[in-house]
Amino acid sequence: MSRTRIKICGLTRESDVDAAVQAGADAIGFVFYAKSPRHVTPARAAELARRLPPLVMPVGLFVNADAALLEQARAALPQMLLQFHGDETPADCQRAGRPYIRAARMGPGFDLLDFAQQYSSAQGLLLDAHVEGYGGGGKVFDWSLIPRNVHSPVVLSGGLHAGNVIEGILQVRPWAVDVSSGVEEAKGLKSAALIQQFCAAVREADARLAALPT
């Protein structure tokens, strides 16, 4: 079986980037949403991304961004994967002209299978809790709402931390997990210890899955 990929989102400092890389993160996220406490500019994100070794992917989070911001971010980080968290339509996402993942706000009555069909051009679907406003709210949603037959790779998000990510991986079997507030000492400021604990918990979950009888 493949291992669960790890994305650490909302990085704002060099030390946080270094901690995520040292812990074994596969991707790090930069938030280009001005109302977020984790917001960075494209220029700042480019500075931080220069610390990434090969094969660690930068991801840019956008919420209803205008064309100018998208272009600035694409120019600053040409290798970046896009992540759309707002009201972007499938046409909006494709118009960006880059590989992307689409956030889905999970809640009772939400039809994920229909959503996945609409955004079939996405590289994957990031499943987050339905909260007021946009972006991550640090809330866990009911994982039983996720249908088993989603064809797109699933990135599990929403209120994850070292204490619950093992349960989430065992239940959902996602392609990847995404964490932000669950590894913070304050909003926008990551804890190297919490990042290490989170990544270790993901590896523990993978070990448990590998040990299950086939």
C-alpha atoms as a PDB file:
ATOM      1  CA  MET A   1       0.000   0.000   0.000  1.00  0.00           C
ATOM      2  CA  SER A   2       1.092   3.588  -0.512  1.00  0.00           C
ATOM      3  CA  ARG A   3       1.927   5.746   2.464  1.00  0.00           C
ATOM      4  CA  THR A   4      -0.210   8.688   3.534  1.00  0.00           C
ATOM      5  CA  ARG A   5       1.194  11.986   2.279  1.00  0.00           C
ATOM      6  CA  ILE A   6       1.491  14.908   4.698  1.00  0.00           C
ATOM      7  CA  LYS A   7       0.810  18.593   4.054  1.00  0.00           C
ATOM      8  CA  ILE A   8       1.583  21.245   6.676  1.00  0.00           C
ATOM      9  CA  CYS A   9      -0.386  24.394   5.831  1.00  0.00           C
ATOM     10  CA  GLY A  10      -0.260  28.048   6.802  1.00  0.00           C
ATOM     11  CA  LEU A  11       3.513  28.465   7.158  1.00  0.00           C
ATOM     12  CA  THR A  12       4.821  31.980   7.735  1.00  0.00           C
ATOM     13  CA  ARG A  13       8.361  31.574   9.136  1.00  0.00           C
ATOM     14  CA  GLU A  14      11.634  30.038   8.006  1.00  0.00           C
ATOM     15  CA  SER A  15      11.840  27.948  11.171  1.00  0.00           C
ATOM     16  CA  ASP A  16       8.412  26.456  10.455  1.00  0.00           C
ATOM     17  CA  VAL A  17       9.392  25.501   6.913  1.00  0.00           C
ATOM     18  CA  ASP A  18      12.555  23.858   8.217  1.00  0.00           C
ATOM     19  CA  ALA A  19      10.612  21.987  10.916  1.00  0.00           C
ATOM     20  CA  ALA A  20       8.091  20.661   8.384  1.00  0.00           C
ATOM     21  CA  VAL A  21      10.857  19.459   6.071  1.00  0.00           C
ATOM     22  CA  GLN A  22      12.790  17.814   8.905  1.00  0.00           C
ATOM     23  CA  ALA A  23       9.653  16.016  10.084  1.00  0.00           C
ATOM     24  CA  GLY A  24       9.116  14.543   6.627  1.00  0.00           C
ATOM     25  CA  ALA A  25       6.279  16.637   5.198  1.00  0.00           C
ATOM     26  CA  ASP A  26       5.567  16.072   1.508  1.00  0.00           C
ATOM     27  CA  ALA A  27       4.015  19.500   0.928  1.00  0.00           C
ATOM     28  CA  ILE A  28       3.759  22.844   2.659  1.00  0.00           C
ATOM     29  CA  GLY A  29       0.978  25.361   2.208  1.00  0.00           C
ATOM     30  CA  PHE A  30       1.068  29.133   1.828  1.00  0.00           C
ATOM     31  CA  VAL A  31      -2.148  31.080   2.430  1.00  0.00           C
ATOM     32  CA  PHE A  32      -2.808  33.879  -0.065  1.00  0.00           C
ATOM     33  CA  TYR A  33      -6.035  35.004   1.624  1.00  0.00           C
ATOM     34  CA  ALA A  34      -5.664  38.435   3.183  1.00  0.00           C
ATOM     35  CA  LYS A  35      -8.250  37.832   5.927  1.00  0.00           C
ATOM     36  CA  SER A  36      -6.363  34.839   7.309  1.00  0.00           C
ATOM     37  CA  PRO A  37      -3.938  35.220  10.259  1.00  0.00           C
ATOM     38  CA  ARG A  38      -1.631  32.941   8.245  1.00  0.00           C
ATOM     39  CA  HIS A  39      -1.613  35.177   5.173  1.00  0.00           C
ATOM     40  CA  VAL A  40       1.624  35.716   3.268  1.00  0.00           C
ATOM     41  CA  THR A  41       2.331  37.649   0.086  1.00  0.00           C
ATOM     42  CA  PRO A  42       3.592  35.893  -3.040  1.00  0.00           C
ATOM     43  CA  ALA A  43       6.997  37.496  -2.519  1.00  0.00           C
ATOM     44  CA  ARG A  44       7.204  36.229   1.067  1.00  0.00           C
ATOM     45  CA  ALA A  45       6.058  32.762   0.024  1.00  0.00           C
ATOM     46  CA  ALA A  46       8.785  32.669  -2.629  1.00  0.00           C
ATOM     47  CA  GLU A  47      11.394  33.497   0.023  1.00  0.00           C
ATOM     48  CA  LEU A  48      10.163  30.658   2.230  1.00  0.00           C
ATOM     49  CA  ALA A  49       9.856  28.199  -0.661  1.00  0.00           C
ATOM     50  CA  ARG A  50      13.522  28.664  -1.520  1.00  0.00           C
ATOM     51  CA  ARG A  51      14.282  26.635   1.607  1.00  0.00           C
ATOM     52  CA  LEU A  52      12.467  23.577   0.252  1.00  0.00           C
ATOM     53  CA  PRO A  53      14.546  20.615  -0.907  1.00  0.00           C
ATOM     54  CA  PRO A  54      13.646  18.753  -4.094  1.00  0.00           C
ATOM     55  CA  LEU A  55      10.387  16.764  -4.040  1.00  0.00           C
ATOM     56  CA  VAL A  56       8.734  18.845  -1.299  1.00  0.00           C
ATOM     57  CA  MET A  57       5.802  20.580  -2.978  1.00  0.00           C
ATOM     58  CA  PRO A  58       4.704  24.176  -2.286  1.00  0.00           C
ATOM     59  CA  VAL A  59       0.918  24.618  -2.345  1.00  0.00           C
ATOM     60  CA  GLY A  60      -0.842  27.968  -2.618  1.00  0.00           C
ATOM     61  CA  LEU A  61      -4.233  28.399  -0.931  1.00  0.00           C
ATOM     62  CA  PHE A  62      -6.586  30.867  -2.644  1.00  0.00           C
ATOM     63  CA  VAL A  63     -10.050  32.121  -1.721  1.00  0.00           C
ATOM     64  CA  ASN A  64     -11.902  33.834  -4.574  1.00  0.00           C
ATOM     65  CA  ALA A  65      -8.638  35.402  -5.694  1.00  0.00           C
ATOM     66  CA  ASP A  66      -8.569  37.865  -8.571  1.00  0.00           C
ATOM     67  CA  ALA A  67      -6.548  37.223 -11.691  1.00  0.00           C
ATOM     68  CA  ALA A  68      -3.786  39.619 -10.617  1.00  0.00           C
ATOM     69  CA  LEU A  69      -3.068  37.761  -7.369  1.00  0.00           C
ATOM     70  CA  LEU A  70      -3.105  34.413  -9.113  1.00  0.00           C
ATOM     71  CA  GLU A  71      -0.661  35.664 -11.705  1.00  0.00           C
ATOM     72  CA  GLN A  72       1.671  37.159  -9.074  1.00  0.00           C
ATOM     73  CA  ALA A  73       1.676  33.919  -7.104  1.00  0.00           C
ATOM     74  CA  ARG A  74       2.217  31.750 -10.180  1.00  0.00           C
ATOM     75  CA  ALA A  75       5.144  33.928 -11.241  1.00  0.00           C
ATOM     76  CA  ALA A  76       6.683  33.882  -7.764  1.00  0.00           C
ATOM     77  CA  LEU A  77       6.309  30.116  -7.315  1.00  0.00           C
ATOM     78  CA  PRO A  78       6.244  28.505 -10.763  1.00  0.00           C
ATOM     79  CA  GLN A  79       6.289  24.968  -9.338  1.00  0.00           C
ATOM     80  CA  MET A  80       3.342  25.593  -6.982  1.00  0.00           C
ATOM     81  CA  LEU A  81       0.215  23.433  -6.809  1.00  0.00           C
ATOM     82  CA  LEU A  82      -2.964  25.531  -6.478  1.00  0.00           C
ATOM     83  CA  GLN A  83      -5.588  24.926  -3.793  1.00  0.00           C
ATOM     84  CA  PHE A  84      -8.980  26.619  -4.144  1.00  0.00           C
ATOM     85  CA  HIS A  85     -10.974  27.197  -0.957  1.00  0.00           C
ATOM     86  CA  GLY A  86     -13.641  29.691  -2.023  1.00  0.00           C
ATOM     87  CA  ASP A  87     -16.562  29.731  -4.438  1.00  0.00           C
ATOM     88  CA  GLU A  88     -14.457  28.989  -7.502  1.00  0.00           C
ATOM     89  CA  THR A  89     -16.324  27.184 -10.261  1.00  0.00           C
ATOM     90  CA  PRO A  90     -14.734  24.363 -12.242  1.00  0.00           C
ATOM     91  CA  ALA A  91     -14.151  26.868 -15.049  1.00  0.00           C
ATOM     92  CA  ASP A  92     -12.423  29.266 -12.617  1.00  0.00           C
ATOM     93  CA  CYS A  93     -10.098  26.509 -11.410  1.00  0.00           C
ATOM     94  CA  GLN A  94      -9.221  25.377 -14.916  1.00  0.00           C
ATOM     95  CA  ARG A  95      -8.717  28.946 -16.107  1.00  0.00           C
ATOM     96  CA  ALA A  96      -5.762  29.233 -13.732  1.00  0.00           C
ATOM     97  CA  GLY A  97      -3.925  26.894 -16.084  1.00  0.00           C
ATOM     98  CA  ARG A  98      -2.154  24.921 -13.357  1.00  0.00           C
ATOM     99  CA  PRO A  99      -2.713  21.627 -11.524  1.00  0.00           C
ATOM    100  CA  TYR A 100      -5.019  22.203  -8.579  1.00  0.00           C
ATOM    101  CA  ILE A 101      -6.825  20.624  -5.672  1.00  0.00           C
ATOM    102  CA  ARG A 102     -10.312  21.723  -4.653  1.00  0.00           C
ATOM    103  CA  ALA A 103     -11.528  22.108  -1.083  1.00  0.00           C
ATOM    104  CA  ALA A 104     -14.935  20.660  -0.258  1.00  0.00           C
ATOM    105  CA  ARG A 105     -16.804  21.919   2.808  1.00  0.00           C
ATOM    106  CA  MET A 106     -18.313  18.799   4.300  1.00  0.00           C
ATOM    107  CA  GLY A 107     -21.642  18.858   6.107  1.00  0.00           C
ATOM    108  CA  PRO A 108     -24.952  16.987   6.268  1.00  0.00           C
ATOM    109  CA  GLY A 109     -26.563  16.838   2.848  1.00  0.00           C
ATOM    110  CA  PHE A 110     -23.414  17.721   0.926  1.00  0.00           C
ATOM    111  CA  ASP A 111     -23.118  15.522  -2.191  1.00  0.00           C
ATOM    112  CA  LEU A 112     -19.405  14.814  -2.451  1.00  0.00           C
ATOM    113  CA  LEU A 113     -19.808  12.459  -5.396  1.00  0.00           C
ATOM    114  CA  ASP A 114     -21.546  15.151  -7.437  1.00  0.00           C
ATOM    115  CA  PHE A 115     -18.914  17.693  -6.330  1.00  0.00           C
ATOM    116  CA  ALA A 116     -16.132  15.334  -7.393  1.00  0.00           C
ATOM    117  CA  GLN A 117     -17.746  14.911 -10.800  1.00  0.00           C
ATOM    118  CA  GLN A 118     -18.009  18.676 -11.270  1.00  0.00           C
ATOM    119  CA  TYR A 119     -14.336  19.105 -10.376  1.00  0.00           C
ATOM    120  CA  SER A 120     -13.093  16.037 -12.221  1.00  0.00           C
ATOM    121  CA  SER A 121     -10.127  18.057 -13.518  1.00  0.00           C
ATOM    122  CA  ALA A 122      -8.798  18.482  -9.953  1.00  0.00           C
ATOM    123  CA  GLN A 123      -5.731  16.550  -8.832  1.00  0.00           C
ATOM    124  CA  GLY A 124      -7.575  15.778  -5.605  1.00  0.00           C
ATOM    125  CA  LEU A 125     -10.268  16.912  -3.168  1.00  0.00           C
ATOM    126  CA  LEU A 126      -9.396  18.414   0.214  1.00  0.00           C
ATOM    127  CA  LEU A 127     -12.201  17.621   2.653  1.00  0.00           C
ATOM    128  CA  ASP A 128     -12.694  20.191   5.400  1.00  0.00           C
ATOM    129  CA  ALA A 129     -15.415  21.045   7.897  1.00  0.00           C
ATOM    130  CA  HIS A 130     -18.194  23.421   6.872  1.00  0.00           C
ATOM    131  CA  VAL A 131     -17.640  26.559   8.959  1.00  0.00           C
ATOM    132  CA  GLU A 132     -18.569  30.213   8.658  1.00  0.00           C
ATOM    133  CA  GLY A 133     -16.276  32.120   6.322  1.00  0.00           C
ATOM    134  CA  TYR A 134     -13.509  30.578   4.238  1.00  0.00           C
ATOM    135  CA  GLY A 135     -10.366  28.630   4.862  1.00  0.00           C
ATOM    136  CA  GLY A 136      -9.720  26.174   7.647  1.00  0.00           C
ATOM    137  CA  GLY A 137     -11.673  26.507  10.855  1.00  0.00           C
ATOM    138  CA  GLY A 138      -9.820  23.883  12.871  1.00  0.00           C
ATOM    139  CA  LYS A 139     -13.027  21.857  13.237  1.00  0.00           C
ATOM    140  CA  VAL A 140     -13.438  18.119  12.753  1.00  0.00           C
ATOM    141  CA  PHE A 141     -16.343  16.980  10.592  1.00  0.00           C
ATOM    142  CA  ASP A 142     -18.177  13.661  10.642  1.00  0.00           C
ATOM    143  CA  TRP A 143     -15.893  11.341   8.679  1.00  0.00           C
ATOM    144  CA  SER A 144     -18.764   8.929   8.075  1.00  0.00           C
ATOM    145  CA  LEU A 145     -20.107  11.500   5.579  1.00  0.00           C
ATOM    146  CA  ILE A 146     -17.317  10.536   3.158  1.00  0.00           C
ATOM    147  CA  PRO A 147     -18.547   7.984   0.617  1.00  0.00           C
ATOM    148  CA  ARG A 148     -16.242   5.062  -0.079  1.00  0.00           C
ATOM    149  CA  ASN A 149     -16.467   5.381  -3.851  1.00  0.00           C
ATOM    150  CA  VAL A 150     -14.926   8.831  -4.351  1.00  0.00           C
ATOM    151  CA  HIS A 151     -12.753   8.492  -7.444  1.00  0.00           C
ATOM    152  CA  SER A 152     -10.578  11.556  -6.776  1.00  0.00           C
ATOM    153  CA  PRO A 153      -7.650  11.303  -4.337  1.00  0.00           C
ATOM    154  CA  VAL A 154      -8.862  12.517  -0.935  1.00  0.00           C
ATOM    155  CA  VAL A 155      -6.904  14.882   1.318  1.00  0.00           C
ATOM    156  CA  LEU A 156      -8.350  14.703   4.841  1.00  0.00           C
ATOM    157  CA  SER A 157      -8.358  18.018   6.681  1.00  0.00           C
ATOM    158  CA  GLY A 158     -10.308  19.806   9.388  1.00  0.00           C
ATOM    159  CA  GLY A 159      -9.221  19.840  13.016  1.00  0.00           C
ATOM    160  CA  LEU A 160      -6.545  17.185  12.675  1.00  0.00           C
ATOM    161  CA  HIS A 161      -3.754  16.863  15.244  1.00  0.00           C
ATOM    162  CA  ALA A 162      -1.449  14.159  16.561  1.00  0.00           C
ATOM    163  CA  GLY A 163      -4.187  12.872  18.855  1.00  0.00           C
ATOM    164  CA  ASN A 164      -6.785  12.117  16.184  1.00  0.00           C
ATOM    165  CA  VAL A 165      -4.960  11.717  12.860  1.00  0.00           C
ATOM    166  CA  ILE A 166      -4.367   7.985  13.394  1.00  0.00           C
ATOM    167  CA  GLU A 167      -8.109   7.419  13.809  1.00  0.00           C
ATOM    168  CA  GLY A 168      -8.790   9.580  10.746  1.00  0.00           C
ATOM    169  CA  ILE A 169      -6.369   7.642   8.547  1.00  0.00           C
ATOM    170  CA  LEU A 170      -7.625   4.250   9.729  1.00  0.00           C
ATOM    171  CA  GLN A 171     -11.237   5.241   9.096  1.00  0.00           C
ATOM    172  CA  VAL A 172     -10.963   7.269   5.892  1.00  0.00           C
ATOM    173  CA  ARG A 173      -7.820   5.818   4.233  1.00  0.00           C
ATOM    174  CA  PRO A 174      -7.037   9.169   2.577  1.00  0.00           C
ATOM    175  CA  TRP A 175      -4.327   9.794   0.013  1.00  0.00           C
ATOM    176  CA  ALA A 176      -3.010  12.633   2.199  1.00  0.00           C
ATOM    177  CA  VAL A 177      -3.695  14.575   5.385  1.00  0.00           C
ATOM    178  CA  ASP A 178      -3.529  18.331   5.847  1.00  0.00           C
ATOM    179  CA  VAL A 179      -2.895  20.113   9.140  1.00  0.00           C
ATOM    180  CA  SER A 180      -2.584  23.759  10.177  1.00  0.00           C
ATOM    181  CA  SER A 181      -3.963  24.805  13.576  1.00  0.00           C
ATOM    182  CA  GLY A 182      -3.286  21.332  14.982  1.00  0.00           C
ATOM    183  CA  VAL A 183       0.470  21.993  14.927  1.00  0.00           C
ATOM    184  CA  GLU A 184       0.415  25.612  16.122  1.00  0.00           C
ATOM    185  CA  GLU A 185       1.513  27.321  19.311  1.00  0.00           C
ATOM    186  CA  ALA A 186      -0.362  30.455  18.176  1.00  0.00           C
ATOM    187  CA  LYS A 187      -2.233  31.380  15.003  1.00  0.00           C
ATOM    188  CA  GLY A 188       0.244  31.326  12.147  1.00  0.00           C
ATOM    189  CA  LEU A 189       3.114  30.164  14.366  1.00  0.00           C
ATOM    190  CA  LYS A 190       3.943  26.481  14.155  1.00  0.00           C
ATOM    191  CA  SER A 191       5.472  24.287  16.836  1.00  0.00           C
ATOM    192  CA  ALA A 192       8.337  22.073  15.681  1.00  0.00           C
ATOM    193  CA  ALA A 193       7.470  19.558  18.401  1.00  0.00           C
ATOM    194  CA  LEU A 194       3.817  19.358  17.349  1.00  0.00           C
ATOM    195  CA  ILE A 195       4.814  18.959  13.695  1.00  0.00           C
ATOM    196  CA  GLN A 196       7.114  16.089  14.639  1.00  0.00           C
ATOM    197  CA  GLN A 197       4.383  14.448  16.724  1.00  0.00           C
ATOM    198  CA  PHE A 198       1.851  14.796  13.906  1.00  0.00           C
ATOM    199  CA  CYS A 199       4.135  13.278  11.280  1.00  0.00           C
ATOM    200  CA  ALA A 200       5.085  10.455  13.638  1.00  0.00           C
ATOM    201  CA  ALA A 201       1.394   9.717  14.206  1.00  0.00           C
ATOM    202  CA  VAL A 202       0.801   9.529  10.442  1.00  0.00           C
ATOM    203  CA  ARG A 203       3.620   7.019  10.118  1.00  0.00           C
ATOM    204  CA  GLU A 204       2.157   5.032  13.009  1.00  0.00           C
ATOM    205  CA  ALA A 205      -1.206   4.910  11.233  1.00  0.00           C
ATOM    206  CA  ASP A 206       0.447   3.681   8.049  1.00  0.00           C
ATOM    207  CA  ALA A 207       2.258   0.975  10.016  1.00  0.00           C
ATOM    208  CA  ARG A 208      -1.035  -0.191  11.514  1.00  0.00           C
ATOM    209  CA  LEU A 209      -2.644  -0.320   8.064  1.00  0.00           C
ATOM    210  CA  ALA A 210       0.281  -2.283   6.659  1.00  0.00           C
ATOM    211  CA  ALA A 211      -0.076  -4.819   9.475  1.00  0.00           C
ATOM    212  CA  LEU A 212      -3.748  -5.526   8.738  1.00  0.00           C
ATOM    213  CA  PRO A 213      -4.485  -8.898   7.132  1.00  0.00           C
ATOM    214  CA  THR A 214      -5.090  -8.688   3.397  1.00  0.00           C
END
